[in-house]
Amino acid sequence: MTEGRLLQGRCLCGAVTVSVRSEDPRLRACHCDMCRRHTSSMFMSVDTDASTLTVEGPAQSYVSSEWAERGFCGTCGSTLWYGTKHDGTRHLAAGLFDNAAGGPLTLEFFSDRCPSGYELAGDHRRLSTKETIEMFTDADATDE
């Protein structure tokens, strides 16, 4: 088991709780079409050690593509994770944790698809659609 900080989070209604460890709870944002439709904005996730994840409560998932699933609370509908099917990894929603686990924003996926109505501030890495797809090519993922 990874050392690091224990993060504990919950959905809006509290029916689903998660516990996971993180050495460095960095934040990532995704502006792809599926993430924006799923969250009505961008999907923000926290970098965690997936092998330490415990989920309790009525969590459900929707298979959104050949390579991905999206988790949500079966009671209130809160977004819980973006999951990759090839390895079973769940990238947990930052909103589950108080203060988004206190992590800094370090990466944006599909930054060229960010709607014109908002832009994330700060000095962090921004990957275009082409760069994002190239990054995930080895994992057989083409869009988060």
C-alpha atoms as a PDB file:
ATOM      1  CA  MET A   1       0.000   0.000   0.000  1.00  0.00           C
ATOM      2  CA  THR A   2       1.219   3.471  -0.855  1.00  0.00           C
ATOM      3  CA  GLU A   3       2.166   5.818   1.902  1.00  0.00           C
ATOM      4  CA  GLY A   4       0.924   9.327   1.460  1.00  0.00           C
ATOM      5  CA  ARG A   5      -2.103  11.174   2.575  1.00  0.00           C
ATOM      6  CA  LEU A   6      -5.418   9.413   3.064  1.00  0.00           C
ATOM      7  CA  LEU A   7      -8.138  11.235   1.161  1.00  0.00           C
ATOM      8  CA  GLN A   8     -11.751  10.670   2.115  1.00  0.00           C
ATOM      9  CA  GLY A   9     -14.579  12.000   0.012  1.00  0.00           C
ATOM     10  CA  ARG A  10     -18.268  11.686  -0.680  1.00  0.00           C
ATOM     11  CA  CYS A  11     -20.948  12.430  -3.217  1.00  0.00           C
ATOM     12  CA  LEU A  12     -23.504  15.235  -2.807  1.00  0.00           C
ATOM     13  CA  CYS A  13     -25.961  13.190  -0.740  1.00  0.00           C
ATOM     14  CA  GLY A  14     -23.295  11.231   1.172  1.00  0.00           C
ATOM     15  CA  ALA A  15     -24.577   7.808   0.060  1.00  0.00           C
ATOM     16  CA  VAL A  16     -21.278   7.044  -1.729  1.00  0.00           C
ATOM     17  CA  THR A  17     -18.014   7.461   0.143  1.00  0.00           C
ATOM     18  CA  VAL A  18     -14.486   6.948  -1.153  1.00  0.00           C
ATOM     19  CA  SER A  19     -11.139   6.459   0.562  1.00  0.00           C
ATOM     20  CA  VAL A  20      -7.852   6.545  -1.324  1.00  0.00           C
ATOM     21  CA  ARG A  21      -4.217   7.468  -0.774  1.00  0.00           C
ATOM     22  CA  SER A  22      -2.247  10.058  -2.709  1.00  0.00           C
ATOM     23  CA  GLU A  23       1.427  10.965  -2.587  1.00  0.00           C
ATOM     24  CA  ASP A  24       0.746  14.095  -4.615  1.00  0.00           C
ATOM     25  CA  PRO A  25      -2.930  15.039  -5.152  1.00  0.00           C
ATOM     26  CA  ARG A  26      -2.415  17.009  -8.375  1.00  0.00           C
ATOM     27  CA  LEU A  27      -5.488  18.110 -10.311  1.00  0.00           C
ATOM     28  CA  ARG A  28      -6.192  17.435 -13.986  1.00  0.00           C
ATOM     29  CA  ALA A  29      -8.948  18.918 -16.133  1.00  0.00           C
ATOM     30  CA  CYS A  30     -10.490  17.459 -19.273  1.00  0.00           C
ATOM     31  CA  HIS A  31     -12.478  19.473 -21.814  1.00  0.00           C
ATOM     32  CA  CYS A  32     -13.432  16.646 -24.195  1.00  0.00           C
ATOM     33  CA  ASP A  33     -17.033  16.486 -25.390  1.00  0.00           C
ATOM     34  CA  MET A  34     -17.908  13.437 -23.260  1.00  0.00           C
ATOM     35  CA  CYS A  35     -16.532  14.927 -20.033  1.00  0.00           C
ATOM     36  CA  ARG A  36     -18.351  18.203 -20.648  1.00  0.00           C
ATOM     37  CA  ARG A  37     -21.618  16.378 -21.296  1.00  0.00           C
ATOM     38  CA  HIS A  38     -21.155  14.181 -18.220  1.00  0.00           C
ATOM     39  CA  THR A  39     -20.369  17.058 -15.841  1.00  0.00           C
ATOM     40  CA  SER A  40     -21.881  20.084 -17.625  1.00  0.00           C
ATOM     41  CA  SER A  41     -18.408  21.614 -17.459  1.00  0.00           C
ATOM     42  CA  MET A  42     -14.934  20.101 -17.491  1.00  0.00           C
ATOM     43  CA  PHE A  43     -14.080  16.935 -15.581  1.00  0.00           C
ATOM     44  CA  MET A  44     -11.586  17.618 -12.783  1.00  0.00           C
ATOM     45  CA  SER A  45      -9.773  14.641 -11.300  1.00  0.00           C
ATOM     46  CA  VAL A  46      -7.258  14.086  -8.498  1.00  0.00           C
ATOM     47  CA  ASP A  47      -4.096  12.028  -8.959  1.00  0.00           C
ATOM     48  CA  THR A  48      -4.360   9.100  -6.527  1.00  0.00           C
ATOM     49  CA  ASP A  49      -3.034   5.571  -6.041  1.00  0.00           C
ATOM     50  CA  ALA A  50      -5.809   3.531  -7.667  1.00  0.00           C
ATOM     51  CA  SER A  51      -4.713   0.360  -5.866  1.00  0.00           C
ATOM     52  CA  THR A  52      -5.748   1.915  -2.535  1.00  0.00           C
ATOM     53  CA  LEU A  53      -9.276   2.927  -3.595  1.00  0.00           C
ATOM     54  CA  THR A  54     -12.287   1.855  -1.531  1.00  0.00           C
ATOM     55  CA  VAL A  55     -15.792   2.810  -2.697  1.00  0.00           C
ATOM     56  CA  GLU A  56     -18.838   2.230  -0.505  1.00  0.00           C
ATOM     57  CA  GLY A  57     -22.467   2.883  -1.333  1.00  0.00           C
ATOM     58  CA  PRO A  58     -24.683   2.830  -4.432  1.00  0.00           C
ATOM     59  CA  ALA A  59     -21.979   3.653  -7.001  1.00  0.00           C
ATOM     60  CA  GLN A  60     -22.906   2.849 -10.590  1.00  0.00           C
ATOM     61  CA  SER A  61     -21.088   3.206 -13.867  1.00  0.00           C
ATOM     62  CA  TYR A  62     -22.003   3.933 -17.445  1.00  0.00           C
ATOM     63  CA  VAL A  63     -19.854   2.524 -20.261  1.00  0.00           C
ATOM     64  CA  SER A  64     -19.360   5.664 -22.341  1.00  0.00           C
ATOM     65  CA  SER A  65     -17.002   4.324 -25.011  1.00  0.00           C
ATOM     66  CA  GLU A  66     -15.000   1.268 -26.016  1.00  0.00           C
ATOM     67  CA  TRP A  67     -12.298   2.215 -23.522  1.00  0.00           C
ATOM     68  CA  ALA A  68     -14.019   4.154 -20.723  1.00  0.00           C
ATOM     69  CA  GLU A  69     -16.709   4.218 -18.071  1.00  0.00           C
ATOM     70  CA  ARG A  70     -18.063   7.055 -15.958  1.00  0.00           C
ATOM     71  CA  GLY A  71     -19.059   6.511 -12.367  1.00  0.00           C
ATOM     72  CA  PHE A  72     -21.924   8.220 -10.596  1.00  0.00           C
ATOM     73  CA  CYS A  73     -23.951   7.958  -7.394  1.00  0.00           C
ATOM     74  CA  GLY A  74     -27.092   5.881  -7.911  1.00  0.00           C
ATOM     75  CA  THR A  75     -28.962   8.131  -5.458  1.00  0.00           C
ATOM     76  CA  CYS A  76     -28.035  11.740  -6.265  1.00  0.00           C
ATOM     77  CA  GLY A  77     -26.235  11.336  -9.600  1.00  0.00           C
ATOM     78  CA  SER A  78     -22.974  12.980  -8.515  1.00  0.00           C
ATOM     79  CA  THR A  79     -20.009  12.325 -10.792  1.00  0.00           C
ATOM     80  CA  LEU A  80     -17.593   9.920  -9.072  1.00  0.00           C
ATOM     81  CA  TRP A  81     -14.944   8.927 -11.612  1.00  0.00           C
ATOM     82  CA  TYR A  82     -13.711   8.482 -15.133  1.00  0.00           C
ATOM     83  CA  GLY A  83     -12.514   4.894 -15.508  1.00  0.00           C
ATOM     84  CA  THR A  84     -10.319   3.231 -18.097  1.00  0.00           C
ATOM     85  CA  LYS A  85     -11.555  -0.241 -18.998  1.00  0.00           C
ATOM     86  CA  HIS A  86      -8.207  -1.692 -20.140  1.00  0.00           C
ATOM     87  CA  ASP A  87      -6.690  -1.444 -16.661  1.00  0.00           C
ATOM     88  CA  GLY A  88      -9.663  -0.772 -14.349  1.00  0.00           C
ATOM     89  CA  THR A  89      -8.230   2.530 -13.124  1.00  0.00           C
ATOM     90  CA  ARG A  90     -10.688   5.070 -11.750  1.00  0.00           C
ATOM     91  CA  HIS A  91      -9.712   8.721 -11.922  1.00  0.00           C
ATOM     92  CA  LEU A  92     -11.672  10.238  -9.045  1.00  0.00           C
ATOM     93  CA  ALA A  93     -13.616  13.468  -9.347  1.00  0.00           C
ATOM     94  CA  ALA A  94     -11.946  16.333  -7.501  1.00  0.00           C
ATOM     95  CA  GLY A  95     -15.324  17.494  -6.185  1.00  0.00           C
ATOM     96  CA  LEU A  96     -15.598  14.433  -3.939  1.00  0.00           C
ATOM     97  CA  PHE A  97     -12.905  15.863  -1.661  1.00  0.00           C
ATOM     98  CA  ASP A  98     -12.885  18.983   0.489  1.00  0.00           C
ATOM     99  CA  ASN A  99     -10.919  21.744  -1.255  1.00  0.00           C
ATOM    100  CA  ALA A 100     -10.344  19.342  -4.209  1.00  0.00           C
ATOM    101  CA  ALA A 101      -7.855  17.497  -1.950  1.00  0.00           C
ATOM    102  CA  GLY A 102      -5.760  20.672  -1.769  1.00  0.00           C
ATOM    103  CA  GLY A 103      -3.958  19.840  -4.997  1.00  0.00           C
ATOM    104  CA  PRO A 104      -2.687  22.280  -7.608  1.00  0.00           C
ATOM    105  CA  LEU A 105      -3.935  22.159 -11.207  1.00  0.00           C
ATOM    106  CA  THR A 106      -1.103  20.651 -13.261  1.00  0.00           C
ATOM    107  CA  LEU A 107      -2.619  19.450 -16.536  1.00  0.00           C
ATOM    108  CA  GLU A 108      -5.470  20.138 -18.973  1.00  0.00           C
ATOM    109  CA  PHE A 109      -6.518  17.586 -21.593  1.00  0.00           C
ATOM    110  CA  PHE A 110      -8.185  18.744 -24.846  1.00  0.00           C
ATOM    111  CA  SER A 111      -7.380  22.373 -23.959  1.00  0.00           C
ATOM    112  CA  ASP A 112      -8.293  23.480 -27.491  1.00  0.00           C
ATOM    113  CA  ARG A 113     -11.853  22.219 -26.845  1.00  0.00           C
ATOM    114  CA  CYS A 114     -12.305  24.419 -23.762  1.00  0.00           C
ATOM    115  CA  PRO A 115     -15.493  26.462 -24.280  1.00  0.00           C
ATOM    116  CA  SER A 116     -14.997  30.156 -24.990  1.00  0.00           C
ATOM    117  CA  GLY A 117     -16.986  31.073 -21.846  1.00  0.00           C
ATOM    118  CA  TYR A 118     -14.239  30.066 -19.414  1.00  0.00           C
ATOM    119  CA  GLU A 119     -10.509  29.492 -19.218  1.00  0.00           C
ATOM    120  CA  LEU A 120      -8.458  28.030 -16.388  1.00  0.00           C
ATOM    121  CA  ALA A 121      -5.833  30.370 -14.988  1.00  0.00           C
ATOM    122  CA  GLY A 122      -2.353  29.479 -13.886  1.00  0.00           C
ATOM    123  CA  ASP A 123       0.879  28.103 -15.234  1.00  0.00           C
ATOM    124  CA  HIS A 124       0.242  24.431 -15.983  1.00  0.00           C
ATOM    125  CA  ARG A 125       0.594  22.068 -18.928  1.00  0.00           C
ATOM    126  CA  ARG A 126      -2.129  22.325 -21.574  1.00  0.00           C
ATOM    127  CA  LEU A 127      -2.461  19.507 -24.100  1.00  0.00           C
ATOM    128  CA  SER A 128      -4.299  20.021 -27.390  1.00  0.00           C
ATOM    129  CA  THR A 129      -6.583  17.353 -28.826  1.00  0.00           C
ATOM    130  CA  LYS A 130      -3.725  16.031 -30.948  1.00  0.00           C
ATOM    131  CA  GLU A 131      -1.304  15.950 -27.989  1.00  0.00           C
ATOM    132  CA  THR A 132      -3.886  14.284 -25.727  1.00  0.00           C
ATOM    133  CA  ILE A 133      -4.631  11.566 -28.276  1.00  0.00           C
ATOM    134  CA  GLU A 134      -0.913  10.961 -28.796  1.00  0.00           C
ATOM    135  CA  MET A 135      -0.451  10.628 -25.026  1.00  0.00           C
ATOM    136  CA  PHE A 136      -3.168   7.978 -24.750  1.00  0.00           C
ATOM    137  CA  THR A 137      -2.437   6.086 -27.965  1.00  0.00           C
ATOM    138  CA  ASP A 138      -0.501   3.394 -26.101  1.00  0.00           C
ATOM    139  CA  ALA A 139      -3.454   2.926 -23.724  1.00  0.00           C
ATOM    140  CA  ASP A 140      -5.909   2.584 -26.649  1.00  0.00           C
ATOM    141  CA  ALA A 141      -7.715   5.730 -25.527  1.00  0.00           C
ATOM    142  CA  THR A 142      -8.492   8.547 -27.897  1.00  0.00           C
ATOM    143  CA  ASP A 143     -10.818  10.786 -25.903  1.00  0.00           C
ATOM    144  CA  GLU A 144     -11.442  11.092 -22.208  1.00  0.00           C
END
